[in-house]
Amino acid sequence: MGDRVRQYRRERARMRVAAGEAGVAGASFEASLAASLGNQNQDLAILNKEAQQKDRASQTQYSSAVARVQKPNLIQSALQIAGAGAGGYQQGLQVGNLQRLQIPGG
């Protein structure tokens, strides 16, 4: 946006210099300056709207990606917990078996 503002400021400065050199002043010159300022504001409004639309599109894309992530339900969670518990119990049995196989005093 800054480049656009500078561009329009340069345009108005050139208009003022040219008008000063030519000795032109009055309502038509002021109307030309006002038109330039109006064009600047219109361009900035369009750029701002485009930026907002891109932001909304990014937010929608993010929301869509997050929605696709599966959230476990109660049954899935219970099965995962039970599986972890069974795995821990099995490891405990294996440790107990290894301890019984060790040679005392060895």
N, C-alpha and C. Protein backbone atom coordinates (compact mmCIF):
# COMPACT_ATOMS: atom_id res chain seq x y z
N MET A 1 0.82 -1.19 0.00
CA MET A 1 0.00 0.00 0.00
C MET A 1 0.86 1.25 0.00
N GLY A 2 1.98 1.21 0.67
CA GLY A 2 2.84 2.37 0.76
C GLY A 2 3.32 2.85 -0.59
N ASP A 3 3.59 1.90 -1.50
CA ASP A 3 4.05 2.27 -2.84
C ASP A 3 2.96 3.02 -3.60
N ARG A 4 1.72 2.55 -3.44
CA ARG A 4 0.59 3.23 -4.11
C ARG A 4 0.43 4.65 -3.60
N VAL A 5 0.53 4.84 -2.30
CA VAL A 5 0.38 6.17 -1.72
C VAL A 5 1.48 7.09 -2.24
N ARG A 6 2.72 6.58 -2.27
CA ARG A 6 3.83 7.39 -2.79
C ARG A 6 3.61 7.73 -4.26
N GLN A 7 3.12 6.78 -5.03
CA GLN A 7 2.86 7.02 -6.45
C GLN A 7 1.85 8.15 -6.63
N TYR A 8 0.77 8.12 -5.88
CA TYR A 8 -0.25 9.18 -6.01
C TYR A 8 0.27 10.51 -5.47
N ARG A 9 1.07 10.48 -4.44
CA ARG A 9 1.65 11.74 -3.93
C ARG A 9 2.56 12.35 -4.98
N ARG A 10 3.37 11.50 -5.65
CA ARG A 10 4.24 12.02 -6.72
C ARG A 10 3.40 12.62 -7.84
N GLU A 11 2.30 11.92 -8.17
CA GLU A 11 1.42 12.40 -9.23
C GLU A 11 0.87 13.79 -8.87
N ARG A 12 0.40 13.96 -7.65
CA ARG A 12 -0.15 15.26 -7.24
C ARG A 12 0.94 16.33 -7.17
N ALA A 13 2.15 15.92 -6.76
CA ALA A 13 3.25 16.89 -6.73
C ALA A 13 3.58 17.37 -8.14
N ARG A 14 3.63 16.42 -9.10
CA ARG A 14 3.88 16.81 -10.50
C ARG A 14 2.79 17.74 -11.01
N MET A 15 1.55 17.45 -10.64
CA MET A 15 0.43 18.29 -11.07
C MET A 15 0.59 19.71 -10.51
N ARG A 16 0.99 19.81 -9.24
CA ARG A 16 1.16 21.14 -8.62
C ARG A 16 2.30 21.90 -9.30
N VAL A 17 3.41 21.20 -9.56
CA VAL A 17 4.55 21.86 -10.21
C VAL A 17 4.16 22.33 -11.61
N ALA A 18 3.51 21.42 -12.37
CA ALA A 18 3.11 21.79 -13.73
C ALA A 18 2.12 22.95 -13.72
N ALA A 19 1.20 22.93 -12.77
CA ALA A 19 0.23 24.03 -12.68
C ALA A 19 0.91 25.32 -12.28
N GLY A 20 1.86 25.23 -11.36
CA GLY A 20 2.60 26.43 -10.95
C GLY A 20 3.41 27.01 -12.08
N GLU A 21 4.08 26.13 -12.83
CA GLU A 21 4.89 26.61 -13.96
C GLU A 21 4.02 27.23 -15.05
N ALA A 22 2.84 26.68 -15.23
CA ALA A 22 1.95 27.19 -16.29
C ALA A 22 1.09 28.34 -15.79
N GLY A 23 1.12 28.59 -14.49
CA GLY A 23 0.31 29.66 -13.94
C GLY A 23 -1.17 29.30 -13.90
N VAL A 24 -1.45 28.02 -13.77
CA VAL A 24 -2.83 27.56 -13.76
C VAL A 24 -3.27 27.38 -12.31
N ALA A 25 -4.46 27.83 -12.02
CA ALA A 25 -5.03 27.64 -10.69
C ALA A 25 -6.54 27.68 -10.84
N GLY A 26 -7.22 27.39 -9.77
CA GLY A 26 -8.67 27.50 -9.83
C GLY A 26 -9.36 26.18 -9.55
N ALA A 27 -10.65 26.18 -9.83
CA ALA A 27 -11.51 25.05 -9.48
C ALA A 27 -11.16 23.80 -10.28
N SER A 28 -10.79 23.96 -11.54
CA SER A 28 -10.49 22.77 -12.35
C SER A 28 -9.22 22.09 -11.86
N PHE A 29 -8.24 22.90 -11.46
CA PHE A 29 -7.01 22.33 -10.92
C PHE A 29 -7.29 21.62 -9.60
N GLU A 30 -8.08 22.24 -8.72
CA GLU A 30 -8.44 21.61 -7.44
C GLU A 30 -9.24 20.33 -7.68
N ALA A 31 -10.07 20.32 -8.72
CA ALA A 31 -10.84 19.12 -9.04
C ALA A 31 -9.92 17.99 -9.50
N SER A 32 -8.86 18.35 -10.24
CA SER A 32 -7.89 17.33 -10.67
C SER A 32 -7.16 16.74 -9.48
N LEU A 33 -6.78 17.59 -8.53
CA LEU A 33 -6.13 17.09 -7.31
C LEU A 33 -7.08 16.20 -6.50
N ALA A 34 -8.33 16.63 -6.41
CA ALA A 34 -9.32 15.84 -5.67
C ALA A 34 -9.56 14.49 -6.36
N ALA A 35 -9.56 14.47 -7.69
CA ALA A 35 -9.75 13.22 -8.43
C ALA A 35 -8.58 12.27 -8.17
N SER A 36 -7.37 12.83 -8.13
CA SER A 36 -6.20 12.01 -7.85
C SER A 36 -6.29 11.40 -6.44
N LEU A 37 -6.71 12.21 -5.49
CA LEU A 37 -6.86 11.72 -4.12
C LEU A 37 -7.97 10.67 -4.04
N GLY A 38 -9.05 10.89 -4.78
CA GLY A 38 -10.14 9.92 -4.82
C GLY A 38 -9.69 8.59 -5.42
N ASN A 39 -8.89 8.66 -6.50
CA ASN A 39 -8.35 7.44 -7.10
C ASN A 39 -7.46 6.69 -6.13
N GLN A 40 -6.64 7.45 -5.38
CA GLN A 40 -5.77 6.83 -4.38
C GLN A 40 -6.61 6.09 -3.33
N ASN A 41 -7.62 6.75 -2.83
CA ASN A 41 -8.46 6.14 -1.80
C ASN A 41 -9.20 4.91 -2.33
N GLN A 42 -9.64 4.98 -3.58
CA GLN A 42 -10.34 3.84 -4.18
C GLN A 42 -9.38 2.66 -4.34
N ASP A 43 -8.17 2.92 -4.81
CA ASP A 43 -7.18 1.85 -4.95
C ASP A 43 -6.84 1.22 -3.60
N LEU A 44 -6.68 2.05 -2.60
CA LEU A 44 -6.36 1.54 -1.26
C LEU A 44 -7.51 0.71 -0.70
N ALA A 45 -8.73 1.13 -0.96
CA ALA A 45 -9.89 0.36 -0.50
C ALA A 45 -9.94 -1.00 -1.18
N ILE A 46 -9.64 -1.04 -2.47
CA ILE A 46 -9.62 -2.31 -3.20
C ILE A 46 -8.52 -3.23 -2.65
N LEU A 47 -7.32 -2.67 -2.43
CA LEU A 47 -6.22 -3.46 -1.88
C LEU A 47 -6.57 -4.00 -0.50
N ASN A 48 -7.21 -3.17 0.31
CA ASN A 48 -7.59 -3.58 1.66
C ASN A 48 -8.62 -4.71 1.60
N LYS A 49 -9.59 -4.57 0.70
CA LYS A 49 -10.62 -5.61 0.56
C LYS A 49 -10.01 -6.93 0.08
N GLU A 50 -9.08 -6.85 -0.87
CA GLU A 50 -8.40 -8.06 -1.34
C GLU A 50 -7.63 -8.73 -0.22
N ALA A 51 -6.96 -7.93 0.61
CA ALA A 51 -6.21 -8.48 1.74
C ALA A 51 -7.15 -9.17 2.73
N GLN A 52 -8.31 -8.56 2.97
CA GLN A 52 -9.28 -9.18 3.88
C GLN A 52 -9.80 -10.49 3.31
N GLN A 53 -10.04 -10.53 2.01
CA GLN A 53 -10.53 -11.75 1.38
C GLN A 53 -9.48 -12.86 1.45
N LYS A 54 -8.22 -12.51 1.24
CA LYS A 54 -7.15 -13.49 1.35
C LYS A 54 -7.04 -14.01 2.78
N ASP A 55 -7.21 -13.11 3.75
CA ASP A 55 -7.16 -13.51 5.15
C ASP A 55 -8.30 -14.47 5.47
N ARG A 56 -9.50 -14.15 5.00
CA ARG A 56 -10.65 -15.03 5.23
C ARG A 56 -10.44 -16.40 4.57
N ALA A 57 -9.87 -16.39 3.37
CA ALA A 57 -9.60 -17.65 2.67
C ALA A 57 -8.60 -18.49 3.46
N SER A 58 -7.57 -17.84 4.01
CA SER A 58 -6.59 -18.57 4.82
C SER A 58 -7.24 -19.14 6.07
N GLN A 59 -8.09 -18.35 6.71
CA GLN A 59 -8.78 -18.83 7.91
C GLN A 59 -9.70 -20.00 7.59
N THR A 60 -10.39 -19.92 6.46
CA THR A 60 -11.28 -21.01 6.05
C THR A 60 -10.48 -22.27 5.75
N GLN A 61 -9.36 -22.10 5.09
CA GLN A 61 -8.50 -23.24 4.76
C GLN A 61 -7.98 -23.88 6.05
N TYR A 62 -7.57 -23.08 7.02
CA TYR A 62 -7.08 -23.59 8.30
C TYR A 62 -8.20 -24.33 9.03
N SER A 63 -9.38 -23.74 9.07
CA SER A 63 -10.51 -24.37 9.75
C SER A 63 -10.86 -25.70 9.10
N SER A 64 -10.80 -25.74 7.78
CA SER A 64 -11.10 -26.97 7.06
C SER A 64 -10.08 -28.05 7.39
N ALA A 65 -8.81 -27.66 7.45
CA ALA A 65 -7.76 -28.63 7.77
C ALA A 65 -7.91 -29.16 9.19
N VAL A 66 -8.25 -28.28 10.12
CA VAL A 66 -8.43 -28.70 11.51
C VAL A 66 -9.65 -29.62 11.63
N ALA A 67 -10.69 -29.34 10.88
CA ALA A 67 -11.92 -30.15 10.95
C ALA A 67 -11.68 -31.57 10.43
N ARG A 68 -10.73 -31.72 9.52
CA ARG A 68 -10.45 -33.05 8.96
C ARG A 68 -9.72 -33.95 9.95
N VAL A 69 -9.09 -33.36 10.96
CA VAL A 69 -8.37 -34.16 11.95
C VAL A 69 -9.40 -34.95 12.75
N GLN A 70 -9.20 -36.27 12.82
CA GLN A 70 -10.17 -37.11 13.52
C GLN A 70 -9.96 -36.98 15.02
N LYS A 71 -11.04 -36.79 15.71
CA LYS A 71 -11.01 -36.73 17.16
C LYS A 71 -11.55 -38.06 17.67
N PRO A 72 -10.80 -38.73 18.56
CA PRO A 72 -11.26 -40.03 19.03
C PRO A 72 -12.54 -39.90 19.86
N ASN A 73 -13.43 -40.88 19.68
CA ASN A 73 -14.65 -40.87 20.49
C ASN A 73 -14.39 -41.66 21.76
N LEU A 74 -15.39 -41.81 22.58
CA LEU A 74 -15.24 -42.45 23.88
C LEU A 74 -14.79 -43.90 23.76
N ILE A 75 -15.35 -44.63 22.81
CA ILE A 75 -14.99 -46.04 22.65
C ILE A 75 -13.54 -46.18 22.20
N GLN A 76 -13.13 -45.35 21.24
CA GLN A 76 -11.73 -45.41 20.78
C GLN A 76 -10.77 -45.09 21.93
N SER A 77 -11.10 -44.09 22.73
CA SER A 77 -10.26 -43.73 23.86
C SER A 77 -10.17 -44.87 24.86
N ALA A 78 -11.29 -45.49 25.16
CA ALA A 78 -11.31 -46.61 26.12
C ALA A 78 -10.48 -47.77 25.60
N LEU A 79 -10.57 -48.07 24.32
CA LEU A 79 -9.78 -49.16 23.75
C LEU A 79 -8.29 -48.84 23.78
N GLN A 80 -7.93 -47.62 23.54
CA GLN A 80 -6.52 -47.23 23.60
C GLN A 80 -5.99 -47.38 25.02
N ILE A 81 -6.76 -46.95 26.00
CA ILE A 81 -6.34 -47.07 27.40
C ILE A 81 -6.22 -48.54 27.79
N ALA A 82 -7.21 -49.34 27.39
CA ALA A 82 -7.17 -50.77 27.72
C ALA A 82 -5.97 -51.44 27.05
N GLY A 83 -5.69 -51.09 25.82
CA GLY A 83 -4.53 -51.65 25.12
C GLY A 83 -3.22 -51.28 25.79
N ALA A 84 -3.12 -50.03 26.24
CA ALA A 84 -1.90 -49.61 26.94
C ALA A 84 -1.77 -50.35 28.26
N GLY A 85 -2.88 -50.55 28.96
CA GLY A 85 -2.85 -51.29 30.22
C GLY A 85 -2.44 -52.73 30.01
N ALA A 86 -2.98 -53.37 28.98
CA ALA A 86 -2.63 -54.76 28.68
C ALA A 86 -1.16 -54.88 28.31
N GLY A 87 -0.68 -53.92 27.53
CA GLY A 87 0.75 -53.92 27.16
C GLY A 87 1.64 -53.78 28.38
N GLY A 88 1.26 -52.91 29.30
CA GLY A 88 2.03 -52.74 30.54
C GLY A 88 2.02 -53.99 31.40
N TYR A 89 0.87 -54.63 31.48
CA TYR A 89 0.74 -55.86 32.27
C TYR A 89 1.63 -56.96 31.67
N GLN A 90 1.63 -57.05 30.33
CA GLN A 90 2.44 -58.07 29.66
C GLN A 90 3.93 -57.81 29.90
N GLN A 91 4.35 -56.57 29.86
CA GLN A 91 5.74 -56.24 30.14
C GLN A 91 6.10 -56.60 31.58
N GLY A 92 5.17 -56.36 32.49
CA GLY A 92 5.41 -56.72 33.89
C GLY A 92 5.60 -58.21 34.06
N LEU A 93 4.81 -59.01 33.36
CA LEU A 93 4.95 -60.47 33.42
C LEU A 93 6.31 -60.91 32.87
N GLN A 94 6.74 -60.27 31.78
CA GLN A 94 8.03 -60.62 31.19
C GLN A 94 9.17 -60.29 32.14
N VAL A 95 9.08 -59.17 32.84
CA VAL A 95 10.12 -58.80 33.81
C VAL A 95 10.14 -59.82 34.94
N GLY A 96 8.96 -60.22 35.40
CA GLY A 96 8.89 -61.22 36.47
C GLY A 96 9.49 -62.53 36.03
N ASN A 97 9.24 -62.97 34.80
CA ASN A 97 9.81 -64.21 34.27
C ASN A 97 11.33 -64.11 34.18
N LEU A 98 11.84 -62.97 33.78
CA LEU A 98 13.30 -62.79 33.68
C LEU A 98 13.94 -62.85 35.06
N GLN A 99 13.29 -62.29 36.05
CA GLN A 99 13.85 -62.30 37.39
C GLN A 99 13.90 -63.73 37.93
N ARG A 100 12.93 -64.55 37.61
CA ARG A 100 12.93 -65.94 38.07
C ARG A 100 14.00 -66.76 37.38
N LEU A 101 14.38 -66.38 36.15
CA LEU A 101 15.39 -67.12 35.40
C LEU A 101 16.80 -66.77 35.81
N GLN A 102 16.99 -65.69 36.52
CA GLN A 102 18.33 -65.28 36.92
C GLN A 102 18.91 -66.27 37.92
N ILE A 103 20.17 -66.50 37.82
CA ILE A 103 20.86 -67.44 38.71
C ILE A 103 21.24 -66.69 39.98
N PRO A 104 20.77 -67.18 41.15
CA PRO A 104 21.12 -66.50 42.39
C PRO A 104 22.62 -66.61 42.68
N GLY A 105 23.17 -65.53 43.18
CA GLY A 105 24.58 -65.49 43.55
C GLY A 105 25.52 -65.49 42.37
N GLY A 106 25.03 -65.24 41.17
CA GLY A 106 25.84 -65.33 39.97
C GLY A 106 26.40 -64.08 39.56
